[in-house]
Structures are given as C-alpha cells and as structure tokens.
Amino acid sequence: MTPNEMLKEINDILDVPEKKSHVDKIIPLLHGKWELQIMLEICRANILRFGECKKRIPNITNSVLTAALRNLEKWGLITRTQYNEIPLRVEYTPTEKGKSLLPVCYEIIKWGAEHSLDDSSK
C-alpha cells in the first residue's frame, strides 16, 4: 500500500464519527510513555509477573508500572490473575485483543531499528 493509499484509508476511517471515536480512545495507549512497551514485554513473555516486568523495564517506578498495568487491564489488553498464596503471586497475560497489537509493535520496532531520531542523523 502506498503512502497516498494509506492516507486515503486513514481519512475514510476518521471521517466516520463512530470509527473516529474508537481511534480517539486508543490515543492514551500510544501517547503514554510505558503502556506500549509493557504490552510488548507481556506479549513477548506470554506470562509476566510484576517483578519480571520491572526487570525488563528498569527505569519505570513501581507506582507507574502499577498504573500502566491497571490501564492495560481496564482496556482489555491484558488479564491479571492473582493467586492467593504466600507470598502473593500475580501474573499478567495478553488477551487476544492485546495480541492483536503485535503487528503494530512489530512495525514500530522494525522502523526504529532502521531509523534514528538522533539530531545528528538529519
């Protein structure tokens, strides 16, 4: 698909109020600093515990990770399973809806591997 064809399809989607409303609701996922990265890590592992997620994304704080995981769960992208054991064990898994984001993540990662956003690469 050419860039012009993509733009036409984007315009066709965004010109339909109901579809635009759906698109507007995904902006927090793309706008947030961590949600997409966390989603990718959960998809990569298929089952991920909080501590493992923290190890994969070391610069994130516990409170921000918790908030992002709650958002992903609220949006139906991951499932949280709590095991009432001592110590408490919680696992996060991607839902089918969450897994459907893999092509988007793939394209972003592929693009990122081929392009730099450094000022020196103008």
PDB file of N, CA and C in Angstrom:
ATOM      1  N   MET A   1       0.853  -1.166   0.000  1.00  0.00           N
ATOM      2  CA  MET A   1       0.000   0.000   0.000  1.00  0.00           C
ATOM      3  C   MET A   1       0.906   1.238   0.000  1.00  0.00           C
ATOM      4  N   THR A   2       0.602   2.162  -0.870  1.00  0.00           N
ATOM      5  CA  THR A   2       1.402   3.385  -0.967  1.00  0.00           C
ATOM      6  C   THR A   2       1.018   4.356   0.146  1.00  0.00           C
ATOM      7  N   PRO A   3       1.902   5.338   0.445  1.00  0.00           N
ATOM      8  CA  PRO A   3       1.536   6.341   1.446  1.00  0.00           C
ATOM      9  C   PRO A   3       0.233   7.071   1.118  1.00  0.00           C
ATOM     10  N   ASN A   4       0.006   7.375  -0.139  1.00  0.00           N
ATOM     11  CA  ASN A   4      -1.238   8.053  -0.522  1.00  0.00           C
ATOM     12  C   ASN A   4      -2.466   7.168  -0.274  1.00  0.00           C
ATOM     13  N   GLU A   5      -2.330   5.879  -0.543  1.00  0.00           N
ATOM     14  CA  GLU A   5      -3.434   4.949  -0.282  1.00  0.00           C
ATOM     15  C   GLU A   5      -3.700   4.846   1.220  1.00  0.00           C
ATOM     16  N   MET A   6      -2.609   4.835   2.009  1.00  0.00           N
ATOM     17  CA  MET A   6      -2.772   4.786   3.464  1.00  0.00           C
ATOM     18  C   MET A   6      -3.479   6.039   3.963  1.00  0.00           C
ATOM     19  N   LEU A   7      -3.069   7.193   3.460  1.00  0.00           N
ATOM     20  CA  LEU A   7      -3.703   8.450   3.880  1.00  0.00           C
ATOM     21  C   LEU A   7      -5.179   8.478   3.504  1.00  0.00           C
ATOM     22  N   LYS A   8      -5.506   7.959   2.334  1.00  0.00           N
ATOM     23  CA  LYS A   8      -6.911   7.910   1.926  1.00  0.00           C
ATOM     24  C   LYS A   8      -7.699   7.018   2.873  1.00  0.00           C
ATOM     25  N   GLU A   9      -7.139   5.863   3.222  1.00  0.00           N
ATOM     26  CA  GLU A   9      -7.836   4.960   4.139  1.00  0.00           C
ATOM     27  C   GLU A   9      -7.967   5.580   5.532  1.00  0.00           C
ATOM     28  N   ILE A  10      -6.919   6.263   5.981  1.00  0.00           N
ATOM     29  CA  ILE A  10      -6.977   6.970   7.265  1.00  0.00           C
ATOM     30  C   ILE A  10      -8.093   8.003   7.240  1.00  0.00           C
ATOM     31  N   ASN A  11      -8.146   8.794   6.171  1.00  0.00           N
ATOM     32  CA  ASN A  11      -9.201   9.804   6.050  1.00  0.00           C
ATOM     33  C   ASN A  11     -10.586   9.171   6.029  1.00  0.00           C
ATOM     34  N   ASP A  12     -10.720   8.051   5.305  1.00  0.00           N
ATOM     35  CA  ASP A  12     -12.014   7.358   5.247  1.00  0.00           C
ATOM     36  C   ASP A  12     -12.457   6.898   6.638  1.00  0.00           C
ATOM     37  N   ILE A  13     -11.508   6.417   7.430  1.00  0.00           N
ATOM     38  CA  ILE A  13     -11.827   5.962   8.783  1.00  0.00           C
ATOM     39  C   ILE A  13     -12.193   7.144   9.669  1.00  0.00           C
ATOM     40  N   LEU A  14     -11.361   8.190   9.643  1.00  0.00           N
ATOM     41  CA  LEU A  14     -11.558   9.320  10.549  1.00  0.00           C
ATOM     42  C   LEU A  14     -12.749  10.194  10.172  1.00  0.00           C
ATOM     43  N   ASP A  15     -13.266  10.032   8.956  1.00  0.00           N
ATOM     44  CA  ASP A  15     -14.455  10.776   8.546  1.00  0.00           C
ATOM     45  C   ASP A  15     -15.751  10.147   9.060  1.00  0.00           C
ATOM     46  N   VAL A  16     -15.667   8.954   9.628  1.00  0.00           N
ATOM     47  CA  VAL A  16     -16.838   8.282  10.203  1.00  0.00           C
ATOM     48  C   VAL A  16     -16.787   8.501  11.715  1.00  0.00           C
ATOM     49  N   PRO A  17     -17.723   9.282  12.260  1.00  0.00           N
ATOM     50  CA  PRO A  17     -17.663   9.650  13.682  1.00  0.00           C
ATOM     51  C   PRO A  17     -17.502   8.467  14.642  1.00  0.00           C
ATOM     52  N   GLU A  18     -18.226   7.382  14.401  1.00  0.00           N
ATOM     53  CA  GLU A  18     -18.135   6.230  15.303  1.00  0.00           C
ATOM     54  C   GLU A  18     -16.725   5.632  15.282  1.00  0.00           C
ATOM     55  N   LYS A  19     -16.155   5.507  14.088  1.00  0.00           N
ATOM     56  CA  LYS A  19     -14.795   4.955  13.974  1.00  0.00           C
ATOM     57  C   LYS A  19     -13.775   5.920  14.575  1.00  0.00           C
ATOM     58  N   LYS A  20     -13.957   7.207  14.352  1.00  0.00           N
ATOM     59  CA  LYS A  20     -13.044   8.201  14.920  1.00  0.00           C
ATOM     60  C   LYS A  20     -13.084   8.138  16.437  1.00  0.00           C
ATOM     61  N   SER A  21     -14.263   7.905  16.986  1.00  0.00           N
ATOM     62  CA  SER A  21     -14.408   7.789  18.430  1.00  0.00           C
ATOM     63  C   SER A  21     -13.578   6.624  18.970  1.00  0.00           C
ATOM     64  N   HIS A  22     -13.585   5.505  18.260  1.00  0.00           N
ATOM     65  CA  HIS A  22     -12.772   4.350  18.661  1.00  0.00           C
ATOM     66  C   HIS A  22     -11.285   4.690  18.577  1.00  0.00           C
ATOM     67  N   VAL A  23     -10.896   5.351  17.515  1.00  0.00           N
ATOM     68  CA  VAL A  23      -9.489   5.720  17.333  1.00  0.00           C
ATOM     69  C   VAL A  23      -9.055   6.678  18.442  1.00  0.00           C
ATOM     70  N   ASP A  24      -9.898   7.640  18.762  1.00  0.00           N
ATOM     71  CA  ASP A  24      -9.569   8.608  19.816  1.00  0.00           C
ATOM     72  C   ASP A  24      -9.320   7.925  21.160  1.00  0.00           C
ATOM     73  N   LYS A  25      -9.980   6.801  21.387  1.00  0.00           N
ATOM     74  CA  LYS A  25      -9.830   6.097  22.662  1.00  0.00           C
ATOM     75  C   LYS A  25      -8.504   5.347  22.771  1.00  0.00           C
ATOM     76  N   ILE A  26      -7.828   5.078  21.658  1.00  0.00           N
ATOM     77  CA  ILE A  26      -6.542   4.376  21.742  1.00  0.00           C
ATOM     78  C   ILE A  26      -5.367   5.333  21.912  1.00  0.00           C
ATOM     79  N   ILE A  27      -5.612   6.628  21.785  1.00  0.00           N
ATOM     80  CA  ILE A  27      -4.533   7.604  21.909  1.00  0.00           C
ATOM     81  C   ILE A  27      -3.784   7.476  23.235  1.00  0.00           C
ATOM     82  N   PRO A  28      -4.456   7.281  24.385  1.00  0.00           N
ATOM     83  CA  PRO A  28      -3.686   7.124  25.627  1.00  0.00           C
ATOM     84  C   PRO A  28      -2.676   5.975  25.574  1.00  0.00           C
ATOM     85  N   LEU A  29      -3.015   4.900  24.873  1.00  0.00           N
ATOM     86  CA  LEU A  29      -2.092   3.773  24.740  1.00  0.00           C
ATOM     87  C   LEU A  29      -0.844   4.193  23.974  1.00  0.00           C
ATOM     88  N   LEU A  30      -1.030   4.950  22.919  1.00  0.00           N
ATOM     89  CA  LEU A  30       0.097   5.371  22.090  1.00  0.00           C
ATOM     90  C   LEU A  30       0.813   6.576  22.677  1.00  0.00           C
ATOM     91  N   HIS A  31       0.094   7.371  23.434  1.00  0.00           N
ATOM     92  CA  HIS A  31       0.652   8.591  23.994  1.00  0.00           C
ATOM     93  C   HIS A  31       1.446   8.330  25.271  1.00  0.00           C
ATOM     94  N   GLY A  32       1.020   7.339  26.040  1.00  0.00           N
ATOM     95  CA  GLY A  32       1.688   7.035  27.302  1.00  0.00           C
ATOM     96  C   GLY A  32       3.131   6.612  27.083  1.00  0.00           C
ATOM     97  N   LYS A  33       3.950   6.897  28.052  1.00  0.00           N
ATOM     98  CA  LYS A  33       5.373   6.584  27.940  1.00  0.00           C
ATOM     99  C   LYS A  33       5.636   5.086  28.031  1.00  0.00           C
ATOM    100  N   TRP A  34       4.823   4.361  28.787  1.00  0.00           N
ATOM    101  CA  TRP A  34       5.166   2.981  29.115  1.00  0.00           C
ATOM    102  C   TRP A  34       4.208   1.919  28.601  1.00  0.00           C
ATOM    103  N   GLU A  35       2.959   2.225  28.366  1.00  0.00           N
ATOM    104  CA  GLU A  35       1.956   1.195  28.108  1.00  0.00           C
ATOM    105  C   GLU A  35       2.304   0.278  26.939  1.00  0.00           C
ATOM    106  N   LEU A  36       2.727   0.849  25.832  1.00  0.00           N
ATOM    107  CA  LEU A  36       3.030   0.022  24.668  1.00  0.00           C
ATOM    108  C   LEU A  36       4.246  -0.859  24.933  1.00  0.00           C
ATOM    109  N   GLN A  37       5.240  -0.335  25.628  1.00  0.00           N
ATOM    110  CA  GLN A  37       6.424  -1.117  25.957  1.00  0.00           C
ATOM    111  C   GLN A  37       6.075  -2.264  26.919  1.00  0.00           C
ATOM    112  N   ILE A  38       5.245  -1.975  27.906  1.00  0.00           N
ATOM    113  CA  ILE A  38       4.809  -3.021  28.837  1.00  0.00           C
ATOM    114  C   ILE A  38       4.011  -4.078  28.090  1.00  0.00           C
ATOM    115  N   MET A  39       3.125  -3.641  27.214  1.00  0.00           N
ATOM    116  CA  MET A  39       2.311  -4.573  26.432  1.00  0.00           C
ATOM    117  C   MET A  39       3.208  -5.496  25.607  1.00  0.00           C
ATOM    118  N   LEU A  40       4.221  -4.932  24.991  1.00  0.00           N
ATOM    119  CA  LEU A  40       5.145  -5.731  24.191  1.00  0.00           C
ATOM    120  C   LEU A  40       5.864  -6.760  25.072  1.00  0.00           C
ATOM    121  N   GLU A  41       6.318  -6.349  26.244  1.00  0.00           N
ATOM    122  CA  GLU A  41       7.027  -7.274  27.127  1.00  0.00           C
ATOM    123  C   GLU A  41       6.108  -8.405  27.596  1.00  0.00           C
ATOM    124  N   ILE A  42       4.862  -8.102  27.880  1.00  0.00           N
ATOM    125  CA  ILE A  42       3.918  -9.147  28.292  1.00  0.00           C
ATOM    126  C   ILE A  42       3.656 -10.100  27.130  1.00  0.00           C
ATOM    127  N   CYS A  43       3.530  -9.579  25.931  1.00  0.00           N
ATOM    128  CA  CYS A  43       3.340 -10.442  24.759  1.00  0.00           C
ATOM    129  C   CYS A  43       4.574 -11.306  24.510  1.00  0.00           C
ATOM    130  N   ARG A  44       5.752 -10.717  24.678  1.00  0.00           N
ATOM    131  CA  ARG A  44       6.992 -11.481  24.460  1.00  0.00           C
ATOM    132  C   ARG A  44       7.099 -12.644  25.433  1.00  0.00           C
ATOM    133  N   ALA A  45       6.712 -12.421  26.685  1.00  0.00           N
ATOM    134  CA  ALA A  45       6.835 -13.463  27.707  1.00  0.00           C
ATOM    135  C   ALA A  45       5.620 -14.387  27.751  1.00  0.00           C
ATOM    136  N   ASN A  46       4.492 -13.914  27.322  1.00  0.00           N
ATOM    137  CA  ASN A  46       3.170 -14.547  27.370  1.00  0.00           C
ATOM    138  C   ASN A  46       2.600 -14.576  28.790  1.00  0.00           C
ATOM    139  N   ILE A  47       3.423 -14.796  29.792  1.00  0.00           N
ATOM    140  CA  ILE A  47       3.021 -14.672  31.191  1.00  0.00           C
ATOM    141  C   ILE A  47       4.133 -13.894  31.872  1.00  0.00           C
ATOM    142  N   LEU A  48       3.752 -12.818  32.537  1.00  0.00           N
ATOM    143  CA  LEU A  48       4.778 -11.977  33.160  1.00  0.00           C
ATOM    144  C   LEU A  48       4.310 -11.546  34.539  1.00  0.00           C
ATOM    145  N   ARG A  49       5.181 -11.697  35.501  1.00  0.00           N
ATOM    146  CA  ARG A  49       4.887 -11.226  36.855  1.00  0.00           C
ATOM    147  C   ARG A  49       5.417  -9.809  37.001  1.00  0.00           C
ATOM    148  N   PHE A  50       4.923  -9.103  38.015  1.00  0.00           N
ATOM    149  CA  PHE A  50       5.272  -7.700  38.237  1.00  0.00           C
ATOM    150  C   PHE A  50       6.790  -7.517  38.310  1.00  0.00           C
ATOM    151  N   GLY A  51       7.462  -8.312  39.116  1.00  0.00           N
ATOM    152  CA  GLY A  51       8.910  -8.180  39.287  1.00  0.00           C
ATOM    153  C   GLY A  51       9.676  -8.428  38.006  1.00  0.00           C
ATOM    154  N   GLU A  52       9.205  -9.392  37.202  1.00  0.00           N
ATOM    155  CA  GLU A  52       9.848  -9.672  35.921  1.00  0.00           C
ATOM    156  C   GLU A  52       9.684  -8.494  34.969  1.00  0.00           C
ATOM    157  N   CYS A  53       8.500  -7.903  35.002  1.00  0.00           N
ATOM    158  CA  CYS A  53       8.238  -6.732  34.162  1.00  0.00           C
ATOM    159  C   CYS A  53       9.165  -5.588  34.572  1.00  0.00           C
ATOM    160  N   LYS A  54       9.328  -5.404  35.856  1.00  0.00           N
ATOM    161  CA  LYS A  54      10.205  -4.357  36.382  1.00  0.00           C
ATOM    162  C   LYS A  54      11.648  -4.582  35.932  1.00  0.00           C
ATOM    163  N   LYS A  55      12.087  -5.834  35.902  1.00  0.00           N
ATOM    164  CA  LYS A  55      13.450  -6.153  35.440  1.00  0.00           C
ATOM    165  C   LYS A  55      13.628  -5.841  33.956  1.00  0.00           C
ATOM    166  N   ARG A  56      12.579  -6.077  33.167  1.00  0.00           N
ATOM    167  CA  ARG A  56      12.657  -5.828  31.720  1.00  0.00           C
ATOM    168  C   ARG A  56      12.610  -4.339  31.397  1.00  0.00           C
ATOM    169  N   ILE A  57      11.998  -3.554  32.290  1.00  0.00           N
ATOM    170  CA  ILE A  57      11.883  -2.105  32.091  1.00  0.00           C
ATOM    171  C   ILE A  57      12.399  -1.439  33.372  1.00  0.00           C
ATOM    172  N   PRO A  58      13.709  -1.418  33.575  1.00  0.00           N
ATOM    173  CA  PRO A  58      14.259  -0.991  34.869  1.00  0.00           C
ATOM    174  C   PRO A  58      14.045   0.477  35.225  1.00  0.00           C
ATOM    175  N   ASN A  59      13.814   1.347  34.273  1.00  0.00           N
ATOM    176  CA  ASN A  59      13.663   2.772  34.577  1.00  0.00           C
ATOM    177  C   ASN A  59      12.270   3.177  35.028  1.00  0.00           C
ATOM    178  N   ILE A  60      11.342   2.232  35.060  1.00  0.00           N
ATOM    179  CA  ILE A  60       9.972   2.544  35.451  1.00  0.00           C
ATOM    180  C   ILE A  60       9.839   2.397  36.972  1.00  0.00           C
ATOM    181  N   THR A  61       9.065   3.285  37.571  1.00  0.00           N
ATOM    182  CA  THR A  61       8.827   3.178  39.019  1.00  0.00           C
ATOM    183  C   THR A  61       7.700   2.181  39.278  1.00  0.00           C
ATOM    184  N   ASN A  62       7.653   1.676  40.501  1.00  0.00           N
ATOM    185  CA  ASN A  62       6.600   0.716  40.868  1.00  0.00           C
ATOM    186  C   ASN A  62       5.208   1.312  40.692  1.00  0.00           C
ATOM    187  N   SER A  63       5.036   2.564  41.103  1.00  0.00           N
ATOM    188  CA  SER A  63       3.700   3.175  41.023  1.00  0.00           C
ATOM    189  C   SER A  63       3.281   3.399  39.572  1.00  0.00           C
ATOM    190  N   VAL A  64       4.214   3.790  38.729  1.00  0.00           N
ATOM    191  CA  VAL A  64       3.883   3.999  37.311  1.00  0.00           C
ATOM    192  C   VAL A  64       3.592   2.660  36.639  1.00  0.00           C
ATOM    193  N   LEU A  65       4.373   1.639  36.958  1.00  0.00           N
ATOM    194  CA  LEU A  65       4.120   0.308  36.402  1.00  0.00           C
ATOM    195  C   LEU A  65       2.744  -0.193  36.831  1.00  0.00           C
ATOM    196  N   THR A  66       2.411  -0.020  38.086  1.00  0.00           N
ATOM    197  CA  THR A  66       1.099  -0.444  38.595  1.00  0.00           C
ATOM    198  C   THR A  66      -0.024   0.272  37.852  1.00  0.00           C
ATOM    199  N   ALA A  67       0.106   1.584  37.692  1.00  0.00           N
ATOM    200  CA  ALA A  67      -0.931   2.361  36.987  1.00  0.00           C
ATOM    201  C   ALA A  67      -1.056   1.916  35.538  1.00  0.00           C
ATOM    202  N   ALA A  68       0.065   1.687  34.878  1.00  0.00           N
ATOM    203  CA  ALA A  68       0.034   1.269  33.474  1.00  0.00           C
ATOM    204  C   ALA A  68      -0.590  -0.118  33.340  1.00  0.00           C
ATOM    205  N   LEU A  69      -0.250  -1.031  34.234  1.00  0.00           N
ATOM    206  CA  LEU A  69      -0.853  -2.367  34.196  1.00  0.00           C
ATOM    207  C   LEU A  69      -2.365  -2.287  34.412  1.00  0.00           C
ATOM    208  N   ARG A  70      -2.800  -1.425  35.306  1.00  0.00           N
ATOM    209  CA  ARG A  70      -4.244  -1.249  35.530  1.00  0.00           C
ATOM    210  C   ARG A  70      -4.927  -0.715  34.274  1.00  0.00           C
ATOM    211  N   ASN A  71      -4.271   0.241  33.605  1.00  0.00           N
ATOM    212  CA  ASN A  71      -4.838   0.765  32.356  1.00  0.00           C
ATOM    213  C   ASN A  71      -4.952  -0.337  31.318  1.00  0.00           C
ATOM    214  N   LEU A  72      -3.903  -1.110  31.137  1.00  0.00           N
ATOM    215  CA  LEU A  72      -3.921  -2.182  30.135  1.00  0.00           C
ATOM    216  C   LEU A  72      -5.008  -3.202  30.447  1.00  0.00           C
ATOM    217  N   GLU A  73      -5.202  -3.483  31.730  1.00  0.00           N
ATOM    218  CA  GLU A  73      -6.267  -4.409  32.132  1.00  0.00           C
ATOM    219  C   GLU A  73      -7.642  -3.787  31.876  1.00  0.00           C
ATOM    220  N   LYS A  74      -7.792  -2.516  32.235  1.00  0.00           N
ATOM    221  CA  LYS A  74      -9.069  -1.813  32.028  1.00  0.00           C
ATOM    222  C   LYS A  74      -9.434  -1.784  30.544  1.00  0.00           C
ATOM    223  N   TRP A  75      -8.441  -1.619  29.689  1.00  0.00           N
ATOM    224  CA  TRP A  75      -8.680  -1.554  28.244  1.00  0.00           C
ATOM    225  C   TRP A  75      -8.880  -2.929  27.620  1.00  0.00           C
ATOM    226  N   GLY A  76      -8.749  -3.985  28.419  1.00  0.00           N
ATOM    227  CA  GLY A  76      -8.965  -5.333  27.899  1.00  0.00           C
ATOM    228  C   GLY A  76      -7.791  -5.890  27.125  1.00  0.00           C
ATOM    229  N   LEU A  77      -6.602  -5.359  27.344  1.00  0.00           N
ATOM    230  CA  LEU A  77      -5.423  -5.805  26.600  1.00  0.00           C
ATOM    231  C   LEU A  77      -4.630  -6.883  27.341  1.00  0.00           C
ATOM    232  N   ILE A  78      -4.774  -6.923  28.663  1.00  0.00           N
ATOM    233  CA  ILE A  78      -4.123  -7.952  29.464  1.00  0.00           C
ATOM    234  C   ILE A  78      -5.110  -8.493  30.486  1.00  0.00           C
ATOM    235  N   THR A  79      -4.792  -9.671  30.988  1.00  0.00           N
ATOM    236  CA  THR A  79      -5.562 -10.286  32.061  1.00  0.00           C
ATOM    237  C   THR A  79      -4.655 -10.392  33.276  1.00  0.00           C
ATOM    238  N   ARG A  80      -5.183 -10.025  34.428  1.00  0.00           N
ATOM    239  CA  ARG A  80      -4.455 -10.121  35.693  1.00  0.00           C
ATOM    240  C   ARG A  80      -5.020 -11.306  36.449  1.00  0.00           C
ATOM    241  N   THR A  81      -4.142 -12.242  36.831  1.00  0.00           N
ATOM    242  CA  THR A  81      -4.551 -13.404  37.606  1.00  0.00           C
ATOM    243  C   THR A  81      -3.812 -13.378  38.931  1.00  0.00           C
ATOM    244  N   GLN A  82      -4.579 -13.350  40.007  1.00  0.00           N
ATOM    245  CA  GLN A  82      -3.998 -13.314  41.347  1.00  0.00           C
ATOM    246  C   GLN A  82      -4.146 -14.685  41.987  1.00  0.00           C
ATOM    247  N   TYR A  83      -3.027 -15.217  42.490  1.00  0.00           N
ATOM    248  CA  TYR A  83      -3.023 -16.492  43.195  1.00  0.00           C
ATOM    249  C   TYR A  83      -2.894 -16.196  44.681  1.00  0.00           C
ATOM    250  N   ASN A  84      -3.844 -16.654  45.453  1.00  0.00           N
ATOM    251  CA  ASN A  84      -3.846 -16.383  46.891  1.00  0.00           C
ATOM    252  C   ASN A  84      -2.901 -17.350  47.601  1.00  0.00           C
ATOM    253  N   GLU A  85      -1.636 -17.067  47.423  1.00  0.00           N
ATOM    254  CA  GLU A  85      -0.574 -17.838  48.048  1.00  0.00           C
ATOM    255  C   GLU A  85       0.225 -16.896  48.928  1.00  0.00           C
ATOM    256  N   ILE A  86       1.103 -17.458  49.716  1.00  0.00           N
ATOM    257  CA  ILE A  86       2.017 -16.626  50.489  1.00  0.00           C
ATOM    258  C   ILE A  86       3.413 -16.986  50.017  1.00  0.00           C
ATOM    259  N   PRO A  87       4.152 -16.078  49.442  1.00  0.00           N
ATOM    260  CA  PRO A  87       3.758 -14.698  49.153  1.00  0.00           C
ATOM    261  C   PRO A  87       2.771 -14.650  47.979  1.00  0.00           C
ATOM    262  N   LEU A  88       2.012 -13.571  47.926  1.00  0.00           N
ATOM    263  CA  LEU A  88       1.020 -13.363  46.884  1.00  0.00           C
ATOM    264  C   LEU A  88       1.694 -13.401  45.507  1.00  0.00           C
ATOM    265  N   ARG A  89       1.067 -14.077  44.555  1.00  0.00           N
ATOM    266  CA  ARG A  89       1.599 -14.158  43.191  1.00  0.00           C
ATOM    267  C   ARG A  89       0.549 -13.606  42.235  1.00  0.00           C
ATOM    268  N   VAL A  90       0.986 -12.685  41.368  1.00  0.00           N
ATOM    269  CA  VAL A  90       0.113 -12.096  40.355  1.00  0.00           C
ATOM    270  C   VAL A  90       0.795 -12.248  39.005  1.00  0.00           C
ATOM    271  N   GLU A  91       0.039 -12.722  38.023  1.00  0.00           N
ATOM    272  CA  GLU A  91       0.570 -12.887  36.669  1.00  0.00           C
ATOM    273  C   GLU A  91      -0.274 -12.099  35.679  1.00  0.00           C
ATOM    274  N   TYR A  92       0.396 -11.558  34.684  1.00  0.00           N
ATOM    275  CA  TYR A  92      -0.255 -10.806  33.619  1.00  0.00           C
ATOM    276  C   TYR A  92      -0.051 -11.544  32.307  1.00  0.00           C
ATOM    277  N   THR A  93      -1.138 -11.710  31.562  1.00  0.00           N
ATOM    278  CA  THR A  93      -1.081 -12.361  30.258  1.00  0.00           C
ATOM    279  C   THR A  93      -1.809 -11.491  29.237  1.00  0.00           C
ATOM    280  N   PRO A  94      -1.364 -11.547  27.980  1.00  0.00           N
ATOM    281  CA  PRO A  94      -2.063 -10.759  26.962  1.00  0.00           C
ATOM    282  C   PRO A  94      -3.382 -11.420  26.581  1.00  0.00           C
ATOM    283  N   THR A  95      -4.383 -10.615  26.338  1.00  0.00           N
ATOM    284  CA  THR A  95      -5.647 -11.123  25.812  1.00  0.00           C
ATOM    285  C   THR A  95      -5.504 -11.233  24.291  1.00  0.00           C
ATOM    286  N   GLU A  96      -6.497 -11.791  23.649  1.00  0.00           N
ATOM    287  CA  GLU A  96      -6.463 -11.850  22.177  1.00  0.00           C
ATOM    288  C   GLU A  96      -6.435 -10.432  21.601  1.00  0.00           C
ATOM    289  N   LYS A  97      -7.209  -9.544  22.229  1.00  0.00           N
ATOM    290  CA  LYS A  97      -7.210  -8.138  21.807  1.00  0.00           C
ATOM    291  C   LYS A  97      -5.808  -7.549  21.963  1.00  0.00           C
ATOM    292  N   GLY A  98      -5.139  -7.870  23.068  1.00  0.00           N
ATOM    293  CA  GLY A  98      -3.782  -7.389  23.295  1.00  0.00           C
ATOM    294  C   GLY A  98      -2.810  -7.949  22.274  1.00  0.00           C
ATOM    295  N   LYS A  99      -2.940  -9.246  21.983  1.00  0.00           N
ATOM    296  CA  LYS A  99      -2.055  -9.876  20.993  1.00  0.00           C
ATOM    297  C   LYS A  99      -2.234  -9.270  19.606  1.00  0.00           C
ATOM    298  N   SER A 100      -3.431  -8.729  19.358  1.00  0.00           N
ATOM    299  CA  SER A 100      -3.674  -8.135  18.041  1.00  0.00           C
ATOM    300  C   SER A 100      -2.855  -6.860  17.834  1.00  0.00           C
ATOM    301  N   LEU A 101      -2.213  -6.358  18.914  1.00  0.00           N
ATOM    302  CA  LEU A 101      -1.319  -5.200  18.799  1.00  0.00           C
ATOM    303  C   LEU A 101       0.076  -5.576  18.292  1.00  0.00           C
ATOM    304  N   LEU A 102       0.377  -6.875  18.252  1.00  0.00           N
ATOM    305  CA  LEU A 102       1.715  -7.300  17.828  1.00  0.00           C
ATOM    306  C   LEU A 102       2.127  -6.772  16.453  1.00  0.00           C
ATOM    307  N   PRO A 103       1.249  -6.763  15.453  1.00  0.00           N
ATOM    308  CA  PRO A 103       1.675  -6.197  14.164  1.00  0.00           C
ATOM    309  C   PRO A 103       2.057  -4.723  14.263  1.00  0.00           C
ATOM    310  N   VAL A 104       1.360  -3.976  15.118  1.00  0.00           N
ATOM    311  CA  VAL A 104       1.686  -2.558  15.326  1.00  0.00           C
ATOM    312  C   VAL A 104       3.062  -2.450  15.980  1.00  0.00           C
ATOM    313  N   CYS A 105       3.288  -3.243  17.030  1.00  0.00           N
ATOM    314  CA  CYS A 105       4.583  -3.237  17.717  1.00  0.00           C
ATOM    315  C   CYS A 105       5.694  -3.656  16.763  1.00  0.00           C
ATOM    316  N   TYR A 106       5.422  -4.663  15.967  1.00  0.00           N
ATOM    317  CA  TYR A 106       6.409  -5.143  15.000  1.00  0.00           C
ATOM    318  C   TYR A 106       6.837  -4.028  14.054  1.00  0.00           C
ATOM    319  N   GLU A 107       5.869  -3.322  13.503  1.00  0.00           N
ATOM    320  CA  GLU A 107       6.196  -2.252  12.565  1.00  0.00           C
ATOM    321  C   GLU A 107       6.964  -1.111  13.244  1.00  0.00           C
ATOM    322  N   ILE A 108       6.601  -0.779  14.474  1.00  0.00           N
ATOM    323  CA  ILE A 108       7.308   0.277  15.209  1.00  0.00           C
ATOM    324  C   ILE A 108       8.747  -0.155  15.480  1.00  0.00           C
ATOM    325  N   ILE A 109       8.928  -1.399  15.938  1.00  0.00           N
ATOM    326  CA  ILE A 109      10.271  -1.898  16.235  1.00  0.00           C
ATOM    327  C   ILE A 109      11.108  -1.978  14.959  1.00  0.00           C
ATOM    328  N   LYS A 110      10.511  -2.462  13.898  1.00  0.00           N
ATOM    329  CA  LYS A 110      11.232  -2.548  12.619  1.00  0.00           C
ATOM    330  C   LYS A 110      11.651  -1.158  12.153  1.00  0.00           C
ATOM    331  N   TRP A 111      10.740  -0.200  12.245  1.00  0.00           N
ATOM    332  CA  TRP A 111      11.047   1.174  11.848  1.00  0.00           C
ATOM    333  C   TRP A 111      12.156   1.739  12.724  1.00  0.00           C
ATOM    334  N   GLY A 112      12.052   1.506  14.043  1.00  0.00           N
ATOM    335  CA  GLY A 112      13.050   2.013  14.974  1.00  0.00           C
ATOM    336  C   GLY A 112      14.430   1.430  14.745  1.00  0.00           C
ATOM    337  N   ALA A 113      14.483   0.166  14.342  1.00  0.00           N
ATOM    338  CA  ALA A 113      15.766  -0.472  14.063  1.00  0.00           C
ATOM    339  C   ALA A 113      16.428   0.115  12.817  1.00  0.00           C
ATOM    340  N   GLU A 114      15.621   0.676  11.926  1.00  0.00           N
ATOM    341  CA  GLU A 114      16.147   1.207  10.670  1.00  0.00           C
ATOM    342  C   GLU A 114      16.361   2.714  10.686  1.00  0.00           C
ATOM    343  N   HIS A 115      15.794   3.413  11.664  1.00  0.00           N
ATOM    344  CA  HIS A 115      15.876   4.876  11.689  1.00  0.00           C
ATOM    345  C   HIS A 115      16.313   5.366  13.075  1.00  0.00           C
ATOM    346  N   SER A 116      16.975   6.481  13.082  1.00  0.00           N
ATOM    347  CA  SER A 116      17.394   7.089  14.324  1.00  0.00           C
ATOM    348  C   SER A 116      16.701   8.435  14.477  1.00  0.00           C
ATOM    349  N   LEU A 117      16.385   8.778  15.702  1.00  0.00           N
ATOM    350  CA  LEU A 117      15.813  10.095  15.963  1.00  0.00           C
ATOM    351  C   LEU A 117      16.846  11.045  16.542  1.00  0.00           C
ATOM    352  N   ASP A 118      18.111  10.622  16.519  1.00  0.00           N
ATOM    353  CA  ASP A 118      19.194  11.495  16.970  1.00  0.00           C
ATOM    354  C   ASP A 118      19.257  12.736  16.092  1.00  0.00           C
ATOM    355  N   ASP A 119      19.587  13.875  16.697  1.00  0.00           N
ATOM    356  CA  ASP A 119      19.741  15.124  15.928  1.00  0.00           C
ATOM    357  C   ASP A 119      20.810  15.000  14.860  1.00  0.00           C
ATOM    358  N   SER A 120      21.806  14.166  15.108  1.00  0.00           N
ATOM    359  CA  SER A 120      22.931  14.044  14.179  1.00  0.00           C
ATOM    360  C   SER A 120      22.564  13.286  12.903  1.00  0.00           C
ATOM    361  N   SER A 121      21.403  12.669  12.857  1.00  0.00           N
ATOM    362  CA  SER A 121      21.043  11.840  11.695  1.00  0.00           C
ATOM    363  C   SER A 121      20.090  12.538  10.733  1.00  0.00           C
ATOM    364  N   LYS A 122      20.109  13.872  10.712  1.00  0.00           N
ATOM    365  CA  LYS A 122      19.157  14.623   9.879  1.00  0.00           C
ATOM    366  C   LYS A 122      19.307  14.333   8.434  1.00  0.00           C
TER     367      LYS A 122
END
